[in-house]
Amino acid sequence: MTVNISFHGFWPTFNPQNNFFKKAMQDYFVGEEVVIVDDHKKADYVIYTVFGSLSGVDTGKAKRIFFTGEVNERYPNKYFYIDGDIFLGFKETDLTTSTYRLPTWMQYIDWWSPEEVQKINDLTKIQDPSKTLNRQRACCIVASNPTRNRIEVAISLNENVFPVDGYGYVFQNPIPNDGETKNKDKRELLENYIFNICFENTNSVGYVTEKLFDAKFCGCIPIYWGDEWAKKDFNEDCFINYDDFSSHQEFLDYMKQLVSSSSALEEIASQPLFKKAPSLDGLYNFFDDIKLKG
């Protein structure tokens, strides 16, 4: 038996045959073949996102699944969710509205790679701080969006605490590219730094992207700004939360004290990213609860 899936409104580089959604559906429909089709009317499930509206599109009897890693405050004209459809994204899980919180960082894990899953499991344990603190470069920021607070923090730290290297469109300094994927290049860059400024583009409930995850995954001490959900997704002791400080000066004073104390640096660098290893079990249980197969 086959399960037919079609995609609609995804980004230009999206590969329909090799992506998180196809693999997750193949996992969920164990024993069945997941087939990607172009015709929405022939699909059992249509998965769509913010880059194209399904309004006026004939999807036949297919169940529709909307995914967004973004918030409608950022993309007011591209938020094409249709009421009544299944929602996967930043919103809190709510079975009554067929909503499941699937934050962006969850898709930056290759759940089908035993080596990567093992690394995720290792990130629930105390880390070796020397792997972070023996690095030659102090801090970096990777930014394509010139959000004011992240730029101010980068400049202030560079002027008062330690050198900060800027990468990305904002700094007109592209990440060194070896021809592989953008995310691989970014991770290889982060592995050279002790700290990474990883502010979100916006602060909205449930909106936690890959930024903090990538920083700690690569062994950095994350300097983060974003929604409080980050403290639920991750171990709050492993990162520096800019919003925990009453003022910018208090933050700078803390950073000066931190870098002057080897024991304090070792303590935060040794903190695991997760208190409990994440998995896709919650997503599959959600599918069961809303009777996705029904």
Protein backbone atom coordinates (compact mmCIF):
# COMPACT_ATOMS: atom_id res chain seq x y z
CA MET A 1 0.00 0.00 0.00
CA THR A 2 1.21 3.51 -0.78
CA VAL A 3 0.73 6.83 0.96
CA ASN A 4 0.68 9.70 -1.54
CA ILE A 5 2.01 13.08 -0.42
CA SER A 6 2.27 16.36 -2.30
CA PHE A 7 4.04 19.57 -1.30
CA HIS A 8 2.90 23.11 -1.96
CA GLY A 9 4.47 26.52 -1.39
CA PHE A 10 7.90 25.41 -0.19
CA TRP A 11 11.13 27.34 -0.69
CA PRO A 12 13.02 27.08 -4.02
CA THR A 13 15.80 24.78 -2.73
CA PHE A 14 13.34 22.36 -1.11
CA ASN A 15 13.87 18.77 -2.30
CA PRO A 16 10.52 16.90 -2.33
CA GLN A 17 12.28 13.53 -2.37
CA ASN A 18 14.65 14.17 0.52
CA ASN A 19 13.39 16.22 3.44
CA PHE A 20 12.26 16.10 7.07
CA PHE A 21 8.57 15.70 6.23
CA LYS A 22 8.92 12.79 3.84
CA LYS A 23 11.21 10.94 6.24
CA ALA A 24 8.92 11.60 9.20
CA MET A 25 5.88 10.38 7.28
CA GLN A 26 7.79 7.29 6.17
CA ASP A 27 8.62 6.64 9.82
CA TYR A 28 5.03 7.11 10.87
CA PHE A 29 3.49 5.02 8.08
CA VAL A 30 5.81 2.13 8.86
CA GLY A 31 5.49 -0.75 6.41
CA GLU A 32 3.91 1.45 3.74
CA GLU A 33 5.55 3.24 0.85
CA VAL A 34 5.46 7.02 0.89
CA VAL A 35 5.23 8.38 -2.65
CA ILE A 36 5.59 12.02 -3.64
CA VAL A 37 3.06 13.14 -6.25
CA ASP A 38 2.66 16.45 -8.08
CA ASP A 39 -1.11 16.38 -8.40
CA HIS A 40 -2.72 17.50 -5.13
CA LYS A 41 -5.96 15.73 -6.08
CA LYS A 42 -4.10 12.40 -6.11
CA ALA A 43 -2.52 12.99 -2.72
CA ASP A 44 -3.63 11.55 0.60
CA TYR A 45 -1.84 14.41 2.35
CA VAL A 46 -0.92 17.87 1.10
CA ILE A 47 1.82 19.57 3.11
CA TYR A 48 2.05 23.32 2.52
CA THR A 49 3.85 26.29 3.98
CA VAL A 50 4.10 30.09 4.02
CA PHE A 51 5.48 30.60 0.52
CA GLY A 52 2.32 29.71 -1.39
CA SER A 53 -1.40 29.82 -0.73
CA LEU A 54 -3.74 26.86 -1.18
CA SER A 55 -6.65 29.24 -1.60
CA GLY A 56 -8.55 28.15 -4.69
CA VAL A 57 -6.41 25.05 -5.16
CA ASP A 58 -8.29 21.76 -5.57
CA THR A 59 -6.80 19.29 -3.07
CA GLY A 60 -9.53 16.69 -3.47
CA LYS A 61 -10.03 14.58 -0.36
CA ALA A 62 -6.47 15.04 0.88
CA LYS A 63 -5.80 15.95 4.50
CA ARG A 64 -3.92 19.24 4.58
CA ILE A 65 -0.95 19.87 6.86
CA PHE A 66 0.37 23.39 7.24
CA PHE A 67 3.92 23.97 8.42
CA THR A 68 5.61 27.22 9.35
CA GLY A 69 8.89 27.89 11.07
CA GLU A 70 8.04 31.59 11.09
CA VAL A 71 5.47 33.80 12.79
CA ASN A 72 2.76 35.79 11.06
CA GLU A 73 4.06 39.02 12.56
CA ARG A 74 7.10 38.65 10.30
CA TYR A 75 5.27 37.48 7.19
CA PRO A 76 1.79 39.04 7.32
CA ASN A 77 1.17 38.53 3.60
CA LYS A 78 2.48 34.97 3.45
CA TYR A 79 0.66 33.40 6.34
CA PHE A 80 -1.62 31.11 4.38
CA TYR A 81 -2.86 28.70 7.02
CA ILE A 82 -6.43 27.59 6.38
CA ASP A 83 -8.64 27.17 9.46
CA GLY A 84 -9.37 23.53 10.17
CA ASP A 85 -6.15 22.18 8.72
CA ILE A 86 -3.43 20.48 10.77
CA PHE A 87 -0.91 23.03 12.07
CA LEU A 88 2.77 22.23 12.69
CA GLY A 89 4.91 25.09 13.90
CA PHE A 90 5.70 27.45 16.75
CA LYS A 91 2.27 27.40 18.45
CA GLU A 92 1.68 25.42 21.64
CA THR A 93 0.23 21.94 21.11
CA ASP A 94 -3.56 21.93 21.18
CA LEU A 95 -5.44 18.81 20.09
CA THR A 96 -8.72 20.72 19.84
CA THR A 97 -7.30 22.71 16.92
CA SER A 98 -5.06 19.93 15.55
CA THR A 99 -2.02 22.04 16.44
CA TYR A 100 1.40 20.58 17.29
CA ARG A 101 4.40 22.62 18.38
CA LEU A 102 7.24 21.66 16.05
CA PRO A 103 9.89 24.37 16.52
CA THR A 104 12.35 24.97 13.71
CA TRP A 105 15.35 23.56 15.61
CA MET A 106 13.72 20.10 15.64
CA GLN A 107 14.17 19.95 11.89
CA TYR A 108 17.86 20.75 12.11
CA ILE A 109 18.47 17.32 13.60
CA ASP A 110 19.04 14.42 11.23
CA TRP A 111 16.88 11.95 13.11
CA TRP A 112 17.77 9.23 10.61
CA SER A 113 21.52 9.43 11.22
CA PRO A 114 22.62 7.17 14.10
CA GLU A 115 25.73 9.31 14.59
CA GLU A 116 23.73 12.52 14.94
CA VAL A 117 21.15 10.94 17.24
CA GLN A 118 24.02 9.72 19.41
CA LYS A 119 25.39 13.26 19.55
CA ILE A 120 21.96 14.53 20.62
CA ASN A 121 21.92 11.91 23.39
CA ASP A 122 25.42 12.99 24.41
CA LEU A 123 24.15 16.55 24.74
CA THR A 124 22.03 15.44 27.69
CA LYS A 125 25.22 14.74 29.65
CA ILE A 126 27.85 16.96 31.28
CA GLN A 127 30.15 18.34 28.58
CA ASP A 128 33.93 18.54 28.54
CA PRO A 129 34.51 22.32 28.93
CA SER A 130 38.00 22.13 27.45
CA LYS A 131 36.49 21.41 24.02
CA THR A 132 34.97 24.88 24.16
CA LEU A 133 37.41 26.91 26.22
CA ASN A 134 40.55 25.80 24.34
CA ARG A 135 39.32 27.42 21.13
CA GLN A 136 41.39 30.26 19.72
CA ARG A 137 38.57 32.66 18.82
CA ALA A 138 36.34 34.37 21.36
CA CYS A 139 32.97 35.13 19.81
CA CYS A 140 31.08 35.33 16.54
CA ILE A 141 27.71 36.39 15.22
CA VAL A 142 26.07 35.16 12.01
CA ALA A 143 23.29 37.47 10.85
CA SER A 144 21.39 38.19 7.67
CA ASN A 145 18.80 40.38 9.38
CA PRO A 146 20.06 43.66 10.93
CA THR A 147 17.96 43.44 14.09
CA ARG A 148 19.02 46.34 16.29
CA ASN A 149 19.56 44.56 19.62
CA ARG A 150 21.81 41.84 18.20
CA ILE A 151 23.99 44.43 16.47
CA GLU A 152 24.23 46.55 19.62
CA VAL A 153 25.26 43.53 21.69
CA ALA A 154 27.89 42.51 19.14
CA ILE A 155 29.36 46.01 19.05
CA SER A 156 29.31 46.42 22.85
CA LEU A 157 30.98 43.07 23.47
CA ASN A 158 33.59 43.81 20.81
CA GLU A 159 34.40 47.17 22.38
CA ASN A 160 34.28 46.14 26.05
CA VAL A 161 34.77 42.40 26.55
CA PHE A 162 36.30 40.39 23.69
CA PRO A 163 36.66 40.44 19.90
CA VAL A 164 33.48 39.57 18.00
CA ASP A 165 33.72 38.34 14.41
CA GLY A 166 30.69 39.13 12.26
CA TYR A 167 29.49 36.95 9.39
CA GLY A 168 26.56 37.07 7.01
CA TYR A 169 24.77 39.71 4.97
CA VAL A 170 24.70 42.26 7.81
CA PHE A 171 28.49 42.30 8.03
CA GLN A 172 29.11 41.81 4.30
CA ASN A 173 31.21 38.81 5.26
CA PRO A 174 29.78 35.55 3.90
CA ILE A 175 30.37 32.31 5.77
CA PRO A 176 33.31 30.48 4.14
CA ASN A 177 31.69 28.03 1.74
CA ASP A 178 33.19 24.67 0.84
CA GLY A 179 30.46 23.81 -1.66
CA GLU A 180 28.39 21.84 0.81
CA THR A 181 25.13 22.90 2.48
CA LYS A 182 24.77 26.28 4.15
CA ASN A 183 24.05 24.70 7.53
CA LYS A 184 27.18 22.52 7.35
CA ASP A 185 29.30 25.60 6.58
CA LYS A 186 27.80 27.48 9.52
CA ARG A 187 28.45 24.63 11.93
CA GLU A 188 32.06 24.30 10.81
CA LEU A 189 32.48 28.04 11.42
CA LEU A 190 30.93 27.91 14.91
CA GLU A 191 33.29 25.14 15.97
CA ASN A 192 36.10 27.74 16.06
CA TYR A 193 34.46 29.96 18.70
CA ILE A 194 33.89 29.95 22.46
CA PHE A 195 30.77 32.20 22.33
CA ASN A 196 28.09 32.69 19.69
CA ILE A 197 25.59 35.56 19.69
CA CYS A 198 22.44 33.80 18.53
CA PHE A 199 19.56 36.24 18.87
CA GLU A 200 16.24 35.42 17.24
CA ASN A 201 14.89 37.79 14.58
CA THR A 202 11.82 38.42 16.72
CA ASN A 203 10.41 37.49 20.10
CA SER A 204 7.09 35.69 19.75
CA VAL A 205 5.50 32.99 21.90
CA GLY A 206 6.87 29.56 21.00
CA TYR A 207 9.19 30.91 18.32
CA VAL A 208 12.53 29.13 18.82
CA THR A 209 14.59 28.54 15.69
CA GLU A 210 17.84 26.70 15.09
CA LYS A 211 20.08 29.52 16.35
CA LEU A 212 20.59 28.48 19.98
CA PHE A 213 20.57 24.80 19.04
CA ASP A 214 23.29 25.23 16.41
CA ALA A 215 25.49 27.21 18.81
CA LYS A 216 25.47 24.59 21.57
CA PHE A 217 25.49 21.66 19.13
CA CYS A 218 28.81 23.07 17.87
CA GLY A 219 30.18 23.51 21.38
CA CYS A 220 29.74 27.27 21.76
CA ILE A 221 28.35 29.07 24.78
CA PRO A 222 25.20 30.65 23.32
CA ILE A 223 24.34 34.30 24.01
CA TYR A 224 20.62 34.24 23.31
CA TRP A 225 17.63 36.52 23.03
CA GLY A 226 14.17 35.21 22.23
CA ASP A 227 11.04 33.68 23.68
CA GLU A 228 10.89 32.01 27.10
CA TRP A 229 10.05 28.72 25.37
CA ALA A 230 13.81 28.34 24.85
CA LYS A 231 14.06 27.58 28.57
CA LYS A 232 11.56 24.74 28.10
CA ASP A 233 13.18 23.35 24.96
CA PHE A 234 16.72 23.51 26.33
CA ASN A 235 18.62 23.49 29.60
CA GLU A 236 18.50 27.16 30.60
CA ASP A 237 21.82 26.84 32.45
CA CYS A 238 23.73 26.17 29.22
CA PHE A 239 23.16 29.59 27.67
CA ILE A 240 23.28 33.27 28.55
CA ASN A 241 19.83 34.78 28.21
CA TYR A 242 20.00 38.49 27.40
CA ASP A 243 16.48 39.02 28.72
CA ASP A 244 17.54 37.84 32.19
CA PHE A 245 19.35 41.14 32.72
CA SER A 246 17.61 44.34 33.80
CA SER A 247 19.80 46.51 31.59
CA HIS A 248 22.39 46.33 28.85
CA GLN A 249 25.05 47.52 31.30
CA GLU A 250 24.18 44.72 33.72
CA PHE A 251 24.65 42.26 30.88
CA LEU A 252 28.06 43.74 30.01
CA ASP A 253 29.15 43.67 33.66
CA TYR A 254 28.16 40.01 33.87
CA MET A 255 30.09 39.15 30.71
CA LYS A 256 33.21 40.89 32.03
CA GLN A 257 32.98 38.91 35.27
CA LEU A 258 32.32 35.66 33.42
CA VAL A 259 35.37 35.84 31.17
CA SER A 260 37.59 36.71 34.15
CA SER A 261 36.57 33.55 36.04
CA SER A 262 37.84 30.22 34.74
CA SER A 263 35.54 28.31 37.10
CA ALA A 264 32.45 30.21 35.94
CA LEU A 265 33.36 29.61 32.31
CA GLU A 266 33.91 25.92 32.94
CA GLU A 267 30.56 25.66 34.71
CA ILE A 268 28.52 27.09 31.86
CA ALA A 269 30.54 25.35 29.13
CA SER A 270 30.03 21.99 30.83
CA GLN A 271 26.25 22.31 30.95
CA PRO A 272 24.32 19.93 28.65
CA LEU A 273 22.01 21.36 26.00
CA PHE A 274 19.10 19.13 26.98
CA LYS A 275 17.75 17.91 30.29
CA LYS A 276 16.04 15.11 28.39
CA ALA A 277 16.85 13.90 24.90
CA PRO A 278 14.29 15.14 22.35
CA SER A 279 12.63 12.76 19.90
CA LEU A 280 9.90 12.62 17.28
CA ASP A 281 7.72 10.42 19.49
CA GLY A 282 5.57 13.39 20.46
CA LEU A 283 4.86 14.18 16.81
CA TYR A 284 3.88 10.61 16.04
CA ASN A 285 1.68 10.43 19.15
CA PHE A 286 0.01 13.65 18.01
CA PHE A 287 -0.69 12.06 14.63
CA ASP A 288 -2.31 9.15 16.45
CA ASP A 289 -4.37 11.47 18.64
CA ILE A 290 -5.80 13.41 15.69
CA LYS A 291 -6.30 10.14 13.78
CA LEU A 292 -4.09 11.14 10.87
CA LYS A 293 -4.41 7.65 9.43
CA GLY A 294 -8.17 7.71 9.76
